[in-house]
Amino acid sequence: MDLSALTFVIVAFLTHCASKGTSSPVNRKIRLHSGIKKTKSRAISERSSSEPVVRAADLPTRRSTVKPPPASLEERVIIYSKTGYFLQIPFSGKIRGSLDKNSKFVQLVMEVVFTSVVRIKGEHTKNYLAMNSDGNLYVSKTANEECLFKETMERTDFHTFASYAYSGKNAMNLSGEWYLAIKRNGKARHALNTTKRQKATQFLVVRRGS
């Protein structure tokens, strides 16, 4: 074969390969992948434009700042801790327990506000038990949201009282609750260190006569 004929064959072969190149498996995959990306992008764009816009102001808040309603029911009670102390509410100072069941400060009034949500008031002092945003118990002169507690009867038949205002804030226990607790020395336990299984958080609620 002479040189001119060989050159013609090579050129014809290269031309044939170039025309086949666009349909090679690699090129087909590239085109397919590009088409998928375009389809996904179009679908995301269409979905985004059809979904309603949710503004932060439209989302519900965790707790209301509205003043709690008045009590629907009042009961005269004594609240006895499993650690051996009676819950007392003084005129001022720190919340703690008392060993004297006849003390005027352990005579309490439980105000039912919602289902299983109560306020605890000293019958003599007219002050309320409250828990602040740091998990500390204190005496409140007025009924506010920090005076609300979720009352639960546990399987042991003892009651627990958890802060209503700061429910779910405690990352140290599974329930996420901050509980009312009286330790074995009669002092209040910080709510961050409480669980519903502790003796300090379990109470008997004894109803008193009118």
N, C-alpha and C. Protein backbone atom coordinates (compact mmCIF):
# COMPACT_ATOMS: atom_id res chain seq x y z
N MET A 1 0.87 -1.19 0.00
CA MET A 1 0.00 0.00 0.00
C MET A 1 0.90 1.23 0.00
N ASP A 2 0.62 2.16 -0.91
CA ASP A 2 1.46 3.35 -0.97
C ASP A 2 1.08 4.33 0.12
N LEU A 3 1.84 5.39 0.27
CA LEU A 3 1.67 6.36 1.35
C LEU A 3 0.35 7.09 1.28
N SER A 4 -0.09 7.44 0.09
CA SER A 4 -1.36 8.18 -0.06
C SER A 4 -2.54 7.33 0.36
N ALA A 5 -2.49 6.06 0.03
CA ALA A 5 -3.59 5.16 0.40
C ALA A 5 -3.63 4.98 1.91
N LEU A 6 -2.44 4.85 2.53
CA LEU A 6 -2.36 4.68 3.98
C LEU A 6 -2.91 5.92 4.71
N THR A 7 -2.56 7.08 4.18
CA THR A 7 -3.05 8.33 4.78
C THR A 7 -4.56 8.41 4.71
N PHE A 8 -5.13 7.96 3.58
CA PHE A 8 -6.59 7.98 3.41
C PHE A 8 -7.27 7.08 4.43
N VAL A 9 -6.69 5.90 4.65
CA VAL A 9 -7.29 4.95 5.60
C VAL A 9 -7.27 5.51 7.02
N ILE A 10 -6.15 6.14 7.42
CA ILE A 10 -6.01 6.70 8.78
C ILE A 10 -7.01 7.82 9.00
N VAL A 11 -7.13 8.71 8.01
CA VAL A 11 -8.08 9.82 8.12
C VAL A 11 -9.51 9.32 8.24
N ALA A 12 -9.85 8.30 7.44
CA ALA A 12 -11.20 7.75 7.48
C ALA A 12 -11.49 7.11 8.83
N PHE A 13 -10.48 6.43 9.39
CA PHE A 13 -10.65 5.78 10.70
C PHE A 13 -10.85 6.80 11.81
N LEU A 14 -10.07 7.88 11.79
CA LEU A 14 -10.19 8.92 12.82
C LEU A 14 -11.54 9.61 12.74
N THR A 15 -12.01 9.85 11.51
CA THR A 15 -13.32 10.49 11.32
C THR A 15 -14.43 9.62 11.88
N HIS A 16 -14.31 8.31 11.67
CA HIS A 16 -15.30 7.36 12.17
C HIS A 16 -15.32 7.35 13.71
N CYS A 17 -14.14 7.38 14.32
CA CYS A 17 -14.05 7.37 15.79
C CYS A 17 -14.65 8.64 16.39
N ALA A 18 -14.41 9.78 15.75
CA ALA A 18 -14.93 11.06 16.25
C ALA A 18 -16.45 11.07 16.26
N SER A 19 -17.03 10.47 15.18
CA SER A 19 -18.49 10.45 15.09
C SER A 19 -19.09 9.51 16.13
N LYS A 20 -18.38 8.47 16.56
CA LYS A 20 -18.87 7.52 17.55
C LYS A 20 -18.65 8.01 18.97
N GLY A 21 -17.74 8.98 19.14
CA GLY A 21 -17.34 9.40 20.47
C GLY A 21 -18.47 9.96 21.30
N THR A 22 -19.39 10.64 20.67
CA THR A 22 -20.48 11.27 21.42
C THR A 22 -21.43 10.26 22.00
N SER A 23 -21.39 8.99 21.48
CA SER A 23 -22.30 8.00 22.01
C SER A 23 -21.59 6.94 22.84
N SER A 24 -20.36 7.23 23.25
CA SER A 24 -19.62 6.27 24.06
C SER A 24 -20.28 6.13 25.42
N PRO A 25 -20.06 5.00 26.14
CA PRO A 25 -20.67 4.81 27.47
C PRO A 25 -20.32 5.93 28.43
N VAL A 26 -19.09 6.42 28.40
CA VAL A 26 -18.69 7.48 29.32
C VAL A 26 -19.48 8.74 29.06
N ASN A 27 -19.60 9.11 27.76
CA ASN A 27 -20.35 10.31 27.42
C ASN A 27 -21.83 10.17 27.76
N ARG A 28 -22.36 8.98 27.58
CA ARG A 28 -23.77 8.77 27.91
C ARG A 28 -24.01 8.96 29.41
N LYS A 29 -23.07 8.48 30.24
CA LYS A 29 -23.19 8.65 31.69
C LYS A 29 -23.12 10.12 32.07
N ILE A 30 -22.24 10.86 31.41
CA ILE A 30 -22.11 12.28 31.70
C ILE A 30 -23.41 13.01 31.39
N ARG A 31 -23.99 12.69 30.21
CA ARG A 31 -25.24 13.34 29.84
C ARG A 31 -26.38 12.95 30.79
N LEU A 32 -26.41 11.68 31.20
CA LEU A 32 -27.46 11.21 32.11
C LEU A 32 -27.35 11.90 33.46
N HIS A 33 -26.14 11.98 33.98
CA HIS A 33 -25.92 12.63 35.27
C HIS A 33 -26.31 14.11 35.21
N SER A 34 -25.98 14.78 34.14
CA SER A 34 -26.33 16.18 33.97
C SER A 34 -27.83 16.37 33.95
N GLY A 35 -28.53 15.42 33.27
CA GLY A 35 -29.99 15.50 33.20
C GLY A 35 -30.62 15.31 34.56
N ILE A 36 -30.05 14.38 35.38
CA ILE A 36 -30.58 14.14 36.72
C ILE A 36 -30.43 15.37 37.58
N LYS A 37 -29.25 16.00 37.50
CA LYS A 37 -29.00 17.20 38.30
C LYS A 37 -29.98 18.30 37.94
N LYS A 38 -30.25 18.47 36.65
CA LYS A 38 -31.18 19.50 36.22
C LYS A 38 -32.58 19.20 36.73
N THR A 39 -32.97 17.89 36.68
CA THR A 39 -34.30 17.50 37.14
C THR A 39 -34.45 17.76 38.63
N LYS A 40 -33.41 17.39 39.41
CA LYS A 40 -33.47 17.62 40.86
C LYS A 40 -33.55 19.10 41.18
N SER A 41 -32.74 19.89 40.50
CA SER A 41 -32.74 21.33 40.74
C SER A 41 -34.11 21.93 40.46
N ARG A 42 -34.73 21.48 39.33
CA ARG A 42 -36.04 22.00 38.97
C ARG A 42 -37.09 21.59 40.02
N ALA A 43 -36.99 20.33 40.52
CA ALA A 43 -37.96 19.85 41.50
C ALA A 43 -37.82 20.61 42.82
N ILE A 44 -36.60 20.82 43.27
CA ILE A 44 -36.37 21.57 44.51
C ILE A 44 -36.89 22.99 44.38
N SER A 45 -36.63 23.60 43.21
CA SER A 45 -37.09 24.97 42.99
C SER A 45 -38.60 25.05 43.02
N GLU A 46 -39.27 24.07 42.38
CA GLU A 46 -40.73 24.07 42.35
C GLU A 46 -41.30 23.84 43.74
N ARG A 47 -40.67 22.90 44.56
CA ARG A 47 -41.16 22.63 45.89
C ARG A 47 -41.00 23.84 46.80
N SER A 48 -39.84 24.50 46.70
CA SER A 48 -39.58 25.67 47.54
C SER A 48 -40.56 26.78 47.27
N SER A 49 -40.92 26.96 46.01
CA SER A 49 -41.83 28.05 45.67
C SER A 49 -43.25 27.73 46.08
N SER A 50 -43.59 26.43 46.22
CA SER A 50 -44.95 26.07 46.57
C SER A 50 -45.16 25.98 48.08
N GLU A 51 -44.07 25.83 48.89
CA GLU A 51 -44.21 25.72 50.34
C GLU A 51 -44.46 27.10 50.94
N PRO A 52 -45.33 27.15 51.99
CA PRO A 52 -45.59 28.43 52.65
C PRO A 52 -44.37 28.87 53.45
N VAL A 53 -44.20 30.15 53.58
CA VAL A 53 -43.09 30.71 54.34
C VAL A 53 -43.49 30.79 55.81
N VAL A 54 -42.68 30.17 56.71
CA VAL A 54 -42.95 30.19 58.14
C VAL A 54 -42.05 31.21 58.79
N ARG A 55 -42.65 32.17 59.45
CA ARG A 55 -41.88 33.21 60.12
C ARG A 55 -41.71 32.86 61.59
N ALA A 56 -40.65 33.38 62.20
CA ALA A 56 -40.38 33.10 63.61
C ALA A 56 -41.53 33.56 64.50
N ALA A 57 -42.15 34.65 64.11
CA ALA A 57 -43.26 35.18 64.91
C ALA A 57 -44.48 34.26 64.90
N ASP A 58 -44.57 33.39 63.86
CA ASP A 58 -45.71 32.48 63.76
C ASP A 58 -45.55 31.24 64.62
N LEU A 59 -44.31 30.95 65.09
CA LEU A 59 -44.07 29.74 65.85
C LEU A 59 -44.56 29.91 67.28
N PRO A 60 -45.12 28.82 67.89
CA PRO A 60 -45.60 28.94 69.27
C PRO A 60 -44.44 29.05 70.24
N THR A 61 -44.60 29.83 71.29
CA THR A 61 -43.57 29.95 72.32
C THR A 61 -43.71 28.79 73.29
N ARG A 62 -42.62 28.50 74.04
CA ARG A 62 -42.63 27.35 74.94
C ARG A 62 -43.58 27.59 76.10
N ARG A 63 -43.66 28.79 76.61
CA ARG A 63 -44.54 29.07 77.71
C ARG A 63 -45.11 30.48 77.60
N SER A 64 -46.28 30.65 78.12
CA SER A 64 -46.97 31.92 78.00
C SER A 64 -46.50 32.90 79.07
N THR A 65 -46.58 34.18 78.75
CA THR A 65 -46.26 35.21 79.73
C THR A 65 -47.53 35.83 80.31
N VAL A 66 -48.67 35.25 79.95
CA VAL A 66 -49.94 35.75 80.46
C VAL A 66 -50.05 35.41 81.95
N LYS A 67 -50.60 36.31 82.74
CA LYS A 67 -50.76 36.09 84.16
C LYS A 67 -51.62 34.86 84.40
N PRO A 68 -51.18 33.92 85.27
CA PRO A 68 -51.95 32.69 85.52
C PRO A 68 -53.35 33.01 86.04
N PRO A 69 -54.32 32.20 85.68
CA PRO A 69 -55.70 32.44 86.13
C PRO A 69 -55.86 32.14 87.61
N PRO A 70 -56.96 32.58 88.21
CA PRO A 70 -57.20 32.26 89.62
C PRO A 70 -57.46 30.77 89.82
N ALA A 71 -57.32 30.33 91.04
CA ALA A 71 -57.51 28.91 91.34
C ALA A 71 -58.97 28.51 91.16
N SER A 72 -59.18 27.32 90.62
CA SER A 72 -60.54 26.81 90.46
C SER A 72 -60.96 25.98 91.67
N LEU A 73 -59.96 25.58 92.49
CA LEU A 73 -60.24 24.76 93.68
C LEU A 73 -59.12 24.97 94.69
N GLU A 74 -59.48 25.03 95.97
CA GLU A 74 -58.49 25.18 97.03
C GLU A 74 -58.67 24.06 98.05
N GLU A 75 -57.53 23.50 98.49
CA GLU A 75 -57.55 22.45 99.51
C GLU A 75 -56.54 22.78 100.59
N ARG A 76 -56.92 22.60 101.82
CA ARG A 76 -56.02 22.79 102.96
C ARG A 76 -55.24 21.50 103.16
N VAL A 77 -53.91 21.60 103.12
CA VAL A 77 -53.09 20.39 103.13
C VAL A 77 -51.85 20.57 104.01
N ILE A 78 -51.21 19.44 104.30
CA ILE A 78 -49.86 19.37 104.83
C ILE A 78 -49.08 18.49 103.84
N ILE A 79 -47.89 18.92 103.48
CA ILE A 79 -47.08 18.18 102.50
C ILE A 79 -45.85 17.62 103.21
N TYR A 80 -45.79 16.30 103.27
CA TYR A 80 -44.77 15.59 104.05
C TYR A 80 -43.78 14.92 103.12
N SER A 81 -42.49 15.24 103.30
CA SER A 81 -41.44 14.67 102.45
C SER A 81 -41.06 13.27 102.91
N LYS A 82 -40.65 12.44 101.96
CA LYS A 82 -40.21 11.09 102.28
C LYS A 82 -38.92 11.10 103.10
N THR A 83 -38.24 12.25 103.15
CA THR A 83 -37.03 12.39 103.97
C THR A 83 -37.36 12.70 105.42
N GLY A 84 -38.65 12.87 105.76
CA GLY A 84 -39.06 13.07 107.14
C GLY A 84 -39.38 14.50 107.53
N TYR A 85 -39.48 15.40 106.57
CA TYR A 85 -39.75 16.81 106.87
C TYR A 85 -41.08 17.26 106.27
N PHE A 86 -41.67 18.25 106.93
CA PHE A 86 -42.88 18.89 106.42
C PHE A 86 -42.47 20.15 105.66
N LEU A 87 -43.03 20.31 104.47
CA LEU A 87 -42.76 21.52 103.69
C LEU A 87 -43.37 22.72 104.41
N GLN A 88 -42.60 23.79 104.56
CA GLN A 88 -43.12 24.99 105.20
C GLN A 88 -42.84 26.21 104.32
N ILE A 89 -43.71 27.19 104.41
CA ILE A 89 -43.55 28.44 103.65
C ILE A 89 -43.54 29.59 104.65
N PRO A 90 -42.38 30.16 104.91
CA PRO A 90 -42.26 31.24 105.90
C PRO A 90 -42.64 32.59 105.31
N PHE A 91 -42.51 33.64 106.12
CA PHE A 91 -42.77 34.99 105.64
C PHE A 91 -41.70 35.43 104.64
N SER A 92 -40.46 35.02 104.88
CA SER A 92 -39.36 35.38 103.99
C SER A 92 -38.23 34.37 104.20
N GLY A 93 -37.16 34.54 103.43
CA GLY A 93 -36.02 33.65 103.58
C GLY A 93 -36.12 32.44 102.67
N LYS A 94 -35.32 31.41 102.99
CA LYS A 94 -35.23 30.24 102.14
C LYS A 94 -36.33 29.22 102.46
N ILE A 95 -36.69 28.48 101.42
CA ILE A 95 -37.63 27.38 101.59
C ILE A 95 -36.87 26.20 102.21
N ARG A 96 -37.45 25.59 103.24
CA ARG A 96 -36.85 24.41 103.85
C ARG A 96 -37.94 23.60 104.52
N GLY A 97 -37.57 22.44 105.07
CA GLY A 97 -38.52 21.59 105.75
C GLY A 97 -38.52 21.83 107.25
N SER A 98 -39.57 21.33 107.90
CA SER A 98 -39.69 21.45 109.36
C SER A 98 -40.06 20.09 109.94
N LEU A 99 -39.51 19.81 111.14
CA LEU A 99 -39.85 18.56 111.83
C LEU A 99 -41.09 18.73 112.71
N ASP A 100 -41.55 19.96 112.84
CA ASP A 100 -42.69 20.27 113.70
C ASP A 100 -43.98 20.27 112.89
N LYS A 101 -44.76 19.22 113.05
CA LYS A 101 -46.01 19.12 112.28
C LYS A 101 -47.06 20.11 112.76
N ASN A 102 -46.86 20.68 113.94
CA ASN A 102 -47.82 21.65 114.48
C ASN A 102 -47.44 23.09 114.18
N SER A 103 -46.34 23.29 113.46
CA SER A 103 -45.92 24.65 113.12
C SER A 103 -46.96 25.30 112.21
N LYS A 104 -47.20 26.57 112.44
CA LYS A 104 -48.18 27.28 111.60
C LYS A 104 -47.68 27.45 110.17
N PHE A 105 -46.36 27.30 109.97
CA PHE A 105 -45.81 27.48 108.63
C PHE A 105 -45.97 26.24 107.74
N VAL A 106 -46.32 25.11 108.32
CA VAL A 106 -46.53 23.90 107.51
C VAL A 106 -48.01 23.73 107.13
N GLN A 107 -48.85 24.63 107.63
CA GLN A 107 -50.26 24.61 107.25
C GLN A 107 -50.38 25.28 105.89
N LEU A 108 -50.67 24.51 104.87
CA LEU A 108 -50.62 25.01 103.50
C LEU A 108 -51.99 24.95 102.82
N VAL A 109 -52.09 25.71 101.74
CA VAL A 109 -53.27 25.67 100.88
C VAL A 109 -52.80 25.34 99.47
N MET A 110 -53.38 24.28 98.89
CA MET A 110 -53.04 23.90 97.52
C MET A 110 -54.14 24.43 96.59
N GLU A 111 -53.75 25.30 95.68
CA GLU A 111 -54.69 25.88 94.72
C GLU A 111 -54.57 25.16 93.38
N VAL A 112 -55.64 24.55 92.94
CA VAL A 112 -55.65 23.87 91.65
C VAL A 112 -55.97 24.89 90.56
N VAL A 113 -55.04 25.07 89.62
CA VAL A 113 -55.20 26.07 88.57
C VAL A 113 -55.65 25.42 87.26
N PHE A 114 -54.91 24.40 86.83
CA PHE A 114 -55.29 23.58 85.68
C PHE A 114 -55.33 22.13 86.15
N THR A 115 -55.62 21.22 85.24
CA THR A 115 -55.54 19.80 85.56
C THR A 115 -54.11 19.43 85.91
N SER A 116 -53.90 18.98 87.15
CA SER A 116 -52.58 18.56 87.65
C SER A 116 -51.56 19.70 87.71
N VAL A 117 -52.02 20.94 87.70
CA VAL A 117 -51.14 22.10 87.87
C VAL A 117 -51.65 22.89 89.07
N VAL A 118 -50.76 23.09 90.05
CA VAL A 118 -51.18 23.68 91.32
C VAL A 118 -50.25 24.81 91.75
N ARG A 119 -50.75 25.62 92.69
CA ARG A 119 -49.94 26.56 93.44
C ARG A 119 -50.00 26.15 94.90
N ILE A 120 -48.89 26.35 95.63
CA ILE A 120 -48.84 26.00 97.04
C ILE A 120 -48.62 27.27 97.85
N LYS A 121 -49.56 27.57 98.73
CA LYS A 121 -49.54 28.83 99.49
C LYS A 121 -49.52 28.54 100.99
N GLY A 122 -48.79 29.34 101.72
CA GLY A 122 -48.81 29.25 103.17
C GLY A 122 -50.11 29.82 103.70
N GLU A 123 -50.83 29.03 104.49
CA GLU A 123 -52.13 29.49 104.99
C GLU A 123 -51.95 30.67 105.94
N HIS A 124 -50.89 30.67 106.71
CA HIS A 124 -50.65 31.73 107.68
C HIS A 124 -49.96 32.94 107.05
N THR A 125 -48.98 32.69 106.20
CA THR A 125 -48.19 33.79 105.63
C THR A 125 -48.80 34.39 104.37
N LYS A 126 -49.64 33.61 103.68
CA LYS A 126 -50.25 34.02 102.40
C LYS A 126 -49.19 34.14 101.29
N ASN A 127 -48.00 33.64 101.52
CA ASN A 127 -46.95 33.62 100.51
C ASN A 127 -47.00 32.33 99.71
N TYR A 128 -46.39 32.37 98.53
CA TYR A 128 -46.41 31.22 97.63
C TYR A 128 -45.03 30.59 97.48
N LEU A 129 -45.03 29.29 97.29
CA LEU A 129 -43.81 28.57 96.91
C LEU A 129 -43.54 28.86 95.44
N ALA A 130 -42.29 29.16 95.10
CA ALA A 130 -41.95 29.47 93.70
C ALA A 130 -40.56 28.94 93.38
N MET A 131 -40.30 28.76 92.08
CA MET A 131 -38.98 28.34 91.61
C MET A 131 -38.56 29.25 90.47
N ASN A 132 -37.36 29.83 90.58
CA ASN A 132 -36.91 30.78 89.56
C ASN A 132 -36.19 30.08 88.40
N SER A 133 -35.72 30.86 87.45
CA SER A 133 -35.12 30.32 86.23
C SER A 133 -33.76 29.68 86.47
N ASP A 134 -33.20 29.85 87.67
CA ASP A 134 -31.94 29.20 88.03
C ASP A 134 -32.15 27.87 88.74
N GLY A 135 -33.43 27.53 89.00
CA GLY A 135 -33.73 26.28 89.69
C GLY A 135 -33.73 26.39 91.21
N ASN A 136 -33.79 27.61 91.73
CA ASN A 136 -33.81 27.84 93.17
C ASN A 136 -35.24 28.10 93.66
N LEU A 137 -35.58 27.50 94.80
CA LEU A 137 -36.87 27.75 95.41
C LEU A 137 -36.83 29.07 96.17
N TYR A 138 -37.95 29.78 96.20
CA TYR A 138 -38.02 31.02 96.95
C TYR A 138 -39.45 31.31 97.36
N VAL A 139 -39.61 32.29 98.23
CA VAL A 139 -40.92 32.72 98.72
C VAL A 139 -41.39 33.88 97.86
N SER A 140 -42.59 33.77 97.30
CA SER A 140 -43.15 34.83 96.47
C SER A 140 -44.35 35.45 97.17
N LYS A 141 -44.39 36.77 97.16
CA LYS A 141 -45.50 37.49 97.78
C LYS A 141 -46.76 37.44 96.92
N THR A 142 -46.57 37.25 95.62
CA THR A 142 -47.70 37.24 94.69
C THR A 142 -47.70 35.95 93.87
N ALA A 143 -48.85 35.61 93.33
CA ALA A 143 -48.98 34.42 92.49
C ALA A 143 -48.54 34.77 91.07
N ASN A 144 -47.42 34.20 90.64
CA ASN A 144 -46.94 34.41 89.28
C ASN A 144 -46.69 33.06 88.62
N GLU A 145 -46.18 33.09 87.40
CA GLU A 145 -46.00 31.84 86.66
C GLU A 145 -45.00 30.91 87.32
N GLU A 146 -44.03 31.47 88.05
CA GLU A 146 -43.02 30.64 88.71
C GLU A 146 -43.58 29.92 89.94
N CYS A 147 -44.81 30.25 90.31
CA CYS A 147 -45.47 29.59 91.43
C CYS A 147 -46.23 28.33 91.00
N LEU A 148 -46.29 28.07 89.72
CA LEU A 148 -47.03 26.92 89.21
C LEU A 148 -46.17 25.66 89.22
N PHE A 149 -46.75 24.56 89.69
CA PHE A 149 -46.06 23.28 89.73
C PHE A 149 -46.96 22.18 89.17
N LYS A 150 -46.32 21.27 88.44
CA LYS A 150 -47.04 20.11 87.91
C LYS A 150 -47.03 19.01 88.97
N GLU A 151 -48.21 18.66 89.43
CA GLU A 151 -48.34 17.63 90.46
C GLU A 151 -48.57 16.27 89.79
N THR A 152 -47.77 15.28 90.15
CA THR A 152 -47.89 13.94 89.57
C THR A 152 -47.86 12.91 90.68
N MET A 153 -48.82 11.99 90.66
CA MET A 153 -48.76 10.85 91.58
C MET A 153 -47.96 9.75 90.92
N GLU A 154 -46.83 9.39 91.53
CA GLU A 154 -45.94 8.38 90.97
C GLU A 154 -46.41 6.98 91.34
N ARG A 155 -45.73 5.97 90.81
CA ARG A 155 -46.12 4.59 91.07
C ARG A 155 -46.00 4.22 92.54
N THR A 156 -45.19 4.97 93.27
CA THR A 156 -44.99 4.72 94.70
C THR A 156 -46.12 5.28 95.54
N ASP A 157 -47.09 5.95 94.90
CA ASP A 157 -48.19 6.65 95.57
C ASP A 157 -47.75 7.94 96.24
N PHE A 158 -46.49 8.30 96.08
CA PHE A 158 -46.02 9.61 96.52
C PHE A 158 -46.19 10.60 95.38
N HIS A 159 -46.26 11.88 95.73
CA HIS A 159 -46.45 12.93 94.74
C HIS A 159 -45.13 13.64 94.46
N THR A 160 -44.95 14.07 93.22
CA THR A 160 -43.83 14.94 92.86
C THR A 160 -44.39 16.26 92.35
N PHE A 161 -43.60 17.31 92.54
CA PHE A 161 -43.99 18.65 92.10
C PHE A 161 -42.87 19.22 91.25
N ALA A 162 -43.14 19.42 89.96
CA ALA A 162 -42.13 19.93 89.02
C ALA A 162 -42.53 21.31 88.54
N SER A 163 -41.52 22.15 88.33
CA SER A 163 -41.78 23.51 87.85
C SER A 163 -42.54 23.49 86.53
N TYR A 164 -43.63 24.23 86.47
CA TYR A 164 -44.42 24.34 85.24
C TYR A 164 -43.77 25.31 84.27
N ALA A 165 -43.25 26.41 84.80
CA ALA A 165 -42.69 27.47 83.96
C ALA A 165 -41.43 27.00 83.24
N TYR A 166 -40.65 26.12 83.86
CA TYR A 166 -39.37 25.72 83.29
C TYR A 166 -39.33 24.23 82.99
N SER A 167 -40.47 23.69 82.62
CA SER A 167 -40.56 22.27 82.26
C SER A 167 -39.67 21.96 81.06
N GLY A 168 -38.91 20.89 81.15
CA GLY A 168 -38.04 20.47 80.05
C GLY A 168 -36.67 21.12 80.06
N LYS A 169 -36.40 21.94 81.06
CA LYS A 169 -35.13 22.67 81.08
C LYS A 169 -33.98 21.86 81.68
N ASN A 170 -34.31 20.84 82.47
CA ASN A 170 -33.26 20.08 83.16
C ASN A 170 -32.68 19.00 82.26
N ALA A 171 -31.45 19.20 81.81
CA ALA A 171 -30.77 18.22 80.94
C ALA A 171 -30.11 17.12 81.75
N MET A 172 -30.21 17.18 83.08
CA MET A 172 -29.53 16.21 83.93
C MET A 172 -30.38 14.98 84.25
N ASN A 173 -31.66 14.98 83.88
CA ASN A 173 -32.47 13.77 84.07
C ASN A 173 -33.32 13.52 82.84
N LEU A 174 -33.86 12.30 82.74
CA LEU A 174 -34.58 11.88 81.54
C LEU A 174 -35.88 12.64 81.35
N SER A 175 -36.53 13.01 82.44
CA SER A 175 -37.82 13.70 82.32
C SER A 175 -37.65 15.17 81.95
N GLY A 176 -36.45 15.72 82.18
CA GLY A 176 -36.21 17.12 81.86
C GLY A 176 -36.82 18.09 82.85
N GLU A 177 -37.30 17.58 84.00
CA GLU A 177 -38.04 18.43 84.94
C GLU A 177 -37.16 18.92 86.09
N TRP A 178 -37.55 20.07 86.64
CA TRP A 178 -36.97 20.61 87.87
C TRP A 178 -37.98 20.35 88.99
N TYR A 179 -37.56 19.55 89.97
CA TYR A 179 -38.48 19.11 91.02
C TYR A 179 -38.28 19.86 92.34
N LEU A 180 -39.39 20.02 93.06
CA LEU A 180 -39.33 20.42 94.45
C LEU A 180 -38.69 19.28 95.22
N ALA A 181 -37.71 19.60 96.09
CA ALA A 181 -37.01 18.56 96.84
C ALA A 181 -36.54 19.08 98.18
N ILE A 182 -36.74 18.26 99.24
CA ILE A 182 -36.25 18.56 100.58
C ILE A 182 -35.27 17.46 100.97
N LYS A 183 -34.04 17.84 101.26
CA LYS A 183 -32.99 16.87 101.57
C LYS A 183 -33.13 16.33 103.00
N ARG A 184 -32.28 15.36 103.35
CA ARG A 184 -32.34 14.72 104.67
C ARG A 184 -31.97 15.67 105.81
N ASN A 185 -31.32 16.79 105.47
CA ASN A 185 -31.01 17.79 106.50
C ASN A 185 -32.06 18.90 106.57
N GLY A 186 -33.14 18.75 105.80
CA GLY A 186 -34.23 19.71 105.83
C GLY A 186 -34.09 20.87 104.86
N LYS A 187 -32.94 20.98 104.21
CA LYS A 187 -32.73 22.07 103.26
C LYS A 187 -33.29 21.70 101.89
N ALA A 188 -33.62 22.72 101.12
CA ALA A 188 -34.12 22.49 99.75
C ALA A 188 -32.96 22.10 98.85
N ARG A 189 -33.17 21.13 98.01
CA ARG A 189 -32.15 20.72 97.04
C ARG A 189 -32.31 21.54 95.77
N HIS A 190 -31.17 21.94 95.19
CA HIS A 190 -31.21 22.68 93.93
C HIS A 190 -31.88 21.81 92.86
N ALA A 191 -32.76 22.39 92.08
CA ALA A 191 -33.57 21.63 91.13
C ALA A 191 -32.73 20.93 90.06
N LEU A 192 -31.56 21.47 89.76
CA LEU A 192 -30.71 20.86 88.75
C LEU A 192 -30.26 19.46 89.15
N ASN A 193 -30.23 19.20 90.46
CA ASN A 193 -29.74 17.92 90.98
C ASN A 193 -30.87 16.99 91.39
N THR A 194 -32.04 17.16 90.81
CA THR A 194 -33.19 16.36 91.23
C THR A 194 -33.65 15.39 90.14
N THR A 195 -34.19 14.27 90.58
CA THR A 195 -34.90 13.33 89.71
C THR A 195 -36.13 12.85 90.48
N LYS A 196 -37.08 12.32 89.77
CA LYS A 196 -38.32 11.91 90.42
C LYS A 196 -38.16 10.65 91.26
N ARG A 197 -37.05 9.94 91.13
CA ARG A 197 -36.81 8.72 91.90
C ARG A 197 -36.18 8.98 93.26
N GLN A 198 -35.73 10.19 93.51
CA GLN A 198 -35.09 10.50 94.78
C GLN A 198 -36.12 10.61 95.90
N LYS A 199 -35.72 10.22 97.11
CA LYS A 199 -36.61 10.39 98.27
C LYS A 199 -36.93 11.86 98.49
N ALA A 200 -35.96 12.71 98.20
CA ALA A 200 -36.12 14.15 98.46
C ALA A 200 -37.24 14.77 97.63
N THR A 201 -37.58 14.16 96.50
CA THR A 201 -38.60 14.75 95.61
C THR A 201 -39.98 14.12 95.79
N GLN A 202 -40.09 13.16 96.70
CA GLN A 202 -41.36 12.44 96.87
C GLN A 202 -42.07 12.91 98.13
N PHE A 203 -43.36 13.22 97.99
CA PHE A 203 -44.12 13.81 99.09
C PHE A 203 -45.49 13.12 99.25
N LEU A 204 -45.94 13.08 100.48
CA LEU A 204 -47.33 12.71 100.76
C LEU A 204 -48.13 13.98 100.96
N VAL A 205 -49.27 14.06 100.30
CA VAL A 205 -50.15 15.22 100.44
C VAL A 205 -51.31 14.81 101.34
N VAL A 206 -51.35 15.38 102.53
CA VAL A 206 -52.38 15.03 103.53
C VAL A 206 -53.40 16.16 103.56
N ARG A 207 -54.64 15.82 103.21
CA ARG A 207 -55.71 16.82 103.24
C ARG A 207 -56.15 17.07 104.68
N ARG A 208 -56.34 18.33 105.00
CA ARG A 208 -56.80 18.71 106.34
C ARG A 208 -58.27 19.11 106.30
N GLY A 209 -58.90 19.05 107.42
CA GLY A 209 -60.30 19.44 107.51
C GLY A 209 -60.47 20.93 107.36
N SER A 210 -61.69 21.37 107.06
CA SER A 210 -61.97 22.80 106.88
C SER A 210 -61.81 23.55 108.19
